[in-house]
Amino acid sequence: MTKYIFLIHSPEAVDRAAFKSRLFDTLVPRLLALDPQKLKLDLTEPKLPRFAVMPLKRTGLAMISIWDGWDDRAHQWQSEVAGLDWKVFGYQVAESTPVAYRKDWKDGEASPGMVMLTIMKRNARLHHKQFMDEWFGHHTPMAVRIHPLWNYIRNVVESAVVEGSPAFDGIVEEHVRARRDVTNPVRYFGGLLHFIPNMIRVGLHANKFLDLSVIENYLLTEYHIRS
């Protein structure tokens, strides 16, 4: 099964309600007509907090995740997403889930909690294997140990499927149960006695394996359309 991720950037003139409406009313039916094995939509629906544990992009974003049993339909998915005439980037990815929730809500309902999405590029000083070793071998265990993660999805970018897409290397979905888990650094970084050293530890390692000058963070609501 092949997984694609499409990132749709909302034009400044489109408010969040209209953005969501067009995605659900126009795009989702078109994608379901192509019969994906699974389909998920995440979007910048939550009101942005004044303070957060990571600097958040304030522009509108939707992330469309498509799981397809066919290997050669990227152009079809791209064509449907591009039909909205909004700025779209797209990637084929390899997914792994070190922490997984048990889904017990209906498709189409908003998932509990919220998602901290991180779109990242490796540090240019590292070749791909070194980057993967640092990400999977060091950063993931640290994140799982420190952060209050309910669901944690790593998407390794294998190739771009939309011309002009930035050369990102990874797309990470950190799902927490409550808003305060990503707005309160004490909660996000392991408690009152540990949050300061953990912030330093996580920050230093992120700087080691990532290019922090191009990292992007968004706060999203998740919808399983077909699971």
Protein backbone atom coordinates (compact mmCIF):
# COMPACT_ATOMS: atom_id res chain seq x y z
CA MET A 1 0.00 0.00 0.00
CA THR A 2 1.32 3.42 -1.01
CA LYS A 3 0.80 6.52 1.10
CA TYR A 4 0.65 10.06 -0.25
CA ILE A 5 0.54 13.32 1.65
CA PHE A 6 -0.70 16.52 0.02
CA LEU A 7 -0.24 19.87 1.76
CA ILE A 8 -2.77 22.50 0.74
CA HIS A 9 -2.09 26.12 1.68
CA SER A 10 -5.12 28.32 2.14
CA PRO A 11 -5.10 31.68 0.32
CA GLU A 12 -5.07 34.67 2.66
CA ALA A 13 -8.44 35.82 1.31
CA VAL A 14 -10.16 32.55 2.34
CA ASP A 15 -11.24 32.32 5.98
CA ARG A 16 -10.96 29.07 7.91
CA ALA A 17 -14.66 28.23 7.77
CA ALA A 18 -14.74 28.58 3.98
CA PHE A 19 -11.46 26.64 3.71
CA LYS A 20 -12.91 23.73 5.69
CA SER A 21 -16.20 23.82 3.81
CA ARG A 22 -14.58 23.58 0.41
CA LEU A 23 -12.34 20.74 1.51
CA PHE A 24 -15.20 18.66 2.91
CA ASP A 25 -17.87 19.57 0.37
CA THR A 26 -15.80 19.59 -2.81
CA LEU A 27 -12.49 17.77 -2.41
CA VAL A 28 -13.41 14.88 -0.12
CA PRO A 29 -16.19 13.50 -2.41
CA ARG A 30 -13.80 13.64 -5.38
CA LEU A 31 -11.16 11.71 -3.49
CA LEU A 32 -13.63 9.11 -2.22
CA ALA A 33 -14.77 8.57 -5.81
CA LEU A 34 -11.27 7.23 -6.54
CA ASP A 35 -11.79 4.63 -3.79
CA PRO A 36 -8.75 5.07 -1.53
CA GLN A 37 -8.10 2.34 1.00
CA LYS A 38 -7.87 5.02 3.69
CA LEU A 39 -8.33 8.79 3.68
CA LYS A 40 -7.57 11.35 6.38
CA LEU A 41 -7.81 15.14 6.54
CA ASP A 42 -6.01 17.37 9.04
CA LEU A 43 -6.50 21.12 9.00
CA THR A 44 -5.70 24.29 10.91
CA GLU A 45 -9.06 24.45 12.61
CA PRO A 46 -8.03 25.07 16.24
CA LYS A 47 -7.71 28.65 17.42
CA LEU A 48 -4.02 29.37 17.73
CA PRO A 49 -2.81 29.80 21.29
CA ARG A 50 -0.95 32.92 22.37
CA PHE A 51 1.86 30.68 23.59
CA ALA A 52 2.91 27.22 22.39
CA VAL A 53 5.83 24.90 22.92
CA MET A 54 6.92 25.40 19.29
CA PRO A 55 6.60 28.44 17.00
CA LEU A 56 3.45 27.85 14.96
CA LYS A 57 2.74 28.94 11.42
CA ARG A 58 -0.32 31.17 11.38
CA THR A 59 -1.32 30.46 7.78
CA GLY A 60 -4.08 28.00 6.90
CA LEU A 61 -3.01 24.47 5.99
CA ALA A 62 -4.74 21.21 5.17
CA MET A 63 -2.91 17.88 5.07
CA ILE A 64 -4.54 15.17 2.98
CA SER A 65 -3.28 11.65 3.72
CA ILE A 66 -4.19 9.00 1.16
CA TRP A 67 -3.46 5.27 1.36
CA ASP A 68 -3.76 3.62 -2.05
CA GLY A 69 -3.60 -0.03 -3.01
CA TRP A 70 -2.35 0.89 -6.48
CA ASP A 71 1.21 2.01 -7.14
CA ASP A 72 0.74 4.34 -10.11
CA ARG A 73 -2.10 6.72 -9.30
CA ALA A 74 -0.18 9.68 -7.88
CA HIS A 75 -1.12 11.81 -10.88
CA GLN A 76 -4.82 11.09 -10.33
CA TRP A 77 -4.72 12.13 -6.69
CA GLN A 78 -2.67 15.18 -7.63
CA SER A 79 -5.18 16.16 -10.31
CA GLU A 80 -8.10 16.08 -7.88
CA VAL A 81 -6.27 18.05 -5.18
CA ALA A 82 -5.00 20.58 -7.70
CA GLY A 83 -8.57 21.11 -8.89
CA LEU A 84 -9.11 23.48 -5.97
CA ASP A 85 -6.68 25.96 -7.61
CA TRP A 86 -4.82 26.47 -4.33
CA LYS A 87 -1.11 26.05 -3.67
CA VAL A 88 -0.41 22.33 -3.25
CA PHE A 89 2.69 20.32 -2.42
CA GLY A 90 2.67 16.54 -2.56
CA TYR A 91 4.84 13.62 -1.49
CA GLN A 92 4.98 9.85 -1.48
CA VAL A 93 5.96 8.79 2.03
CA ALA A 94 6.82 5.74 4.11
CA GLU A 95 4.84 5.69 7.34
CA SER A 96 5.68 4.24 10.74
CA THR A 97 3.78 4.67 14.01
CA PRO A 98 5.86 4.26 17.20
CA VAL A 99 2.85 5.24 19.37
CA ALA A 100 -0.68 4.40 18.21
CA TYR A 101 -4.04 5.27 19.73
CA ARG A 102 -7.05 2.99 19.61
CA LYS A 103 -9.63 4.65 17.36
CA ASP A 104 -13.11 4.26 18.85
CA TRP A 105 -14.94 7.16 17.18
CA LYS A 106 -16.77 7.28 13.87
CA ASP A 107 -15.23 8.30 10.57
CA GLY A 108 -16.00 11.90 9.77
CA GLU A 109 -15.90 12.98 13.42
CA ALA A 110 -13.06 15.12 14.69
CA SER A 111 -10.48 13.03 16.50
CA PRO A 112 -10.07 13.90 20.19
CA GLY A 113 -7.18 16.20 21.05
CA MET A 114 -5.05 17.87 18.41
CA VAL A 115 -2.03 17.32 16.21
CA MET A 116 1.26 19.15 16.26
CA LEU A 117 2.47 18.78 12.68
CA THR A 118 6.17 19.24 11.96
CA ILE A 119 7.48 19.43 8.39
CA MET A 120 11.23 19.09 8.43
CA LYS A 121 14.44 18.94 6.44
CA ARG A 122 17.61 17.18 7.48
CA ASN A 123 20.72 19.05 8.53
CA ALA A 124 22.89 19.43 5.42
CA ARG A 125 25.90 18.16 7.39
CA LEU A 126 24.31 14.70 7.57
CA HIS A 127 23.82 12.21 4.78
CA HIS A 128 20.52 10.34 4.62
CA LYS A 129 21.55 7.33 6.73
CA GLN A 130 22.95 9.56 9.48
CA PHE A 131 19.74 11.59 9.44
CA MET A 132 17.60 8.47 9.73
CA ASP A 133 19.75 7.08 12.54
CA GLU A 134 19.39 10.31 14.51
CA TRP A 135 15.66 10.59 13.83
CA PHE A 136 14.61 6.98 14.42
CA GLY A 137 17.37 5.84 16.76
CA HIS A 138 17.73 8.87 19.04
CA HIS A 139 15.04 11.52 18.60
CA THR A 140 12.01 9.21 18.51
CA PRO A 141 12.83 7.38 21.78
CA MET A 142 13.48 10.75 23.44
CA ALA A 143 10.19 12.20 22.16
CA VAL A 144 8.21 9.16 23.31
CA ARG A 145 9.84 9.30 26.74
CA ILE A 146 9.39 13.05 27.28
CA HIS A 147 6.27 14.24 25.46
CA PRO A 148 2.65 13.29 26.36
CA LEU A 149 2.03 11.66 22.99
CA TRP A 150 -1.18 9.75 22.35
CA ASN A 151 -0.38 8.99 18.71
CA TYR A 152 2.92 9.53 16.93
CA ILE A 153 3.30 9.10 13.16
CA ARG A 154 6.57 9.43 11.26
CA ASN A 155 6.33 9.99 7.50
CA VAL A 156 9.64 9.69 5.67
CA VAL A 157 9.50 11.54 2.36
CA GLU A 158 10.47 9.20 -0.47
CA SER A 159 9.72 11.47 -3.44
CA ALA A 160 7.81 14.56 -4.46
CA VAL A 161 4.69 13.89 -6.56
CA VAL A 162 3.83 17.54 -7.23
CA GLU A 163 6.26 19.59 -9.28
CA GLY A 164 7.81 22.43 -7.29
CA SER A 165 7.27 20.83 -3.88
CA PRO A 166 9.98 21.83 -1.37
CA ALA A 167 12.60 19.18 -0.69
CA PHE A 168 11.46 18.16 2.78
CA ASP A 169 12.66 14.92 4.37
CA GLY A 170 10.05 14.18 6.99
CA ILE A 171 6.50 14.96 8.11
CA VAL A 172 5.74 14.18 11.75
CA GLU A 173 2.32 14.01 13.40
CA GLU A 174 2.45 14.32 17.20
CA HIS A 175 -1.07 13.79 18.55
CA VAL A 176 -1.92 14.79 22.11
CA ARG A 177 -5.16 14.35 24.04
CA ALA A 178 -5.57 17.94 25.26
CA ARG A 179 -4.75 21.45 24.03
CA ARG A 180 -2.76 22.20 27.18
CA ASP A 181 -0.36 19.39 26.30
CA VAL A 182 1.11 21.55 23.50
CA THR A 183 0.58 25.00 25.02
CA ASN A 184 2.13 24.31 28.41
CA PRO A 185 5.88 23.57 28.22
CA VAL A 186 5.83 21.97 31.66
CA ARG A 187 3.36 19.34 30.42
CA TYR A 188 4.98 18.92 27.00
CA PHE A 189 8.51 18.51 28.33
CA GLY A 190 8.00 16.05 31.15
CA GLY A 191 6.82 17.84 34.28
CA LEU A 192 7.90 20.58 36.64
CA LEU A 193 11.17 19.00 37.74
CA HIS A 194 12.31 17.98 34.27
CA PHE A 195 10.96 20.40 31.67
CA ILE A 196 13.92 22.79 31.52
CA PRO A 197 16.66 20.14 31.04
CA ASN A 198 14.36 18.27 28.65
CA MET A 199 13.78 21.42 26.59
CA ILE A 200 17.53 21.87 26.31
CA ARG A 201 18.08 18.20 25.47
CA VAL A 202 15.41 18.11 22.77
CA GLY A 203 16.48 21.46 21.30
CA LEU A 204 20.14 20.51 21.07
CA HIS A 205 19.36 17.23 19.35
CA ALA A 206 16.89 18.83 16.93
CA ASN A 207 19.61 21.29 15.96
CA LYS A 208 21.98 18.39 15.39
CA PHE A 209 19.89 16.49 12.84
CA LEU A 210 17.47 19.10 11.42
CA ASP A 211 17.76 22.32 9.46
CA LEU A 212 15.84 24.49 11.91
CA SER A 213 15.83 27.44 9.50
CA VAL A 214 13.17 25.78 7.31
CA ILE A 215 11.17 23.76 9.83
CA GLU A 216 7.39 24.32 9.82
CA ASN A 217 4.98 23.64 12.70
CA TYR A 218 1.18 23.70 12.54
CA LEU A 219 -1.59 22.93 15.02
CA LEU A 220 -4.25 20.75 13.38
CA THR A 221 -7.53 18.97 13.95
CA GLU A 222 -7.64 15.43 12.55
CA TYR A 223 -10.55 13.82 10.67
CA HIS A 224 -10.54 10.20 9.55
CA ILE A 225 -12.70 10.20 6.43
CA ARG A 226 -12.21 6.50 5.71
CA SER A 227 -10.31 4.31 8.13
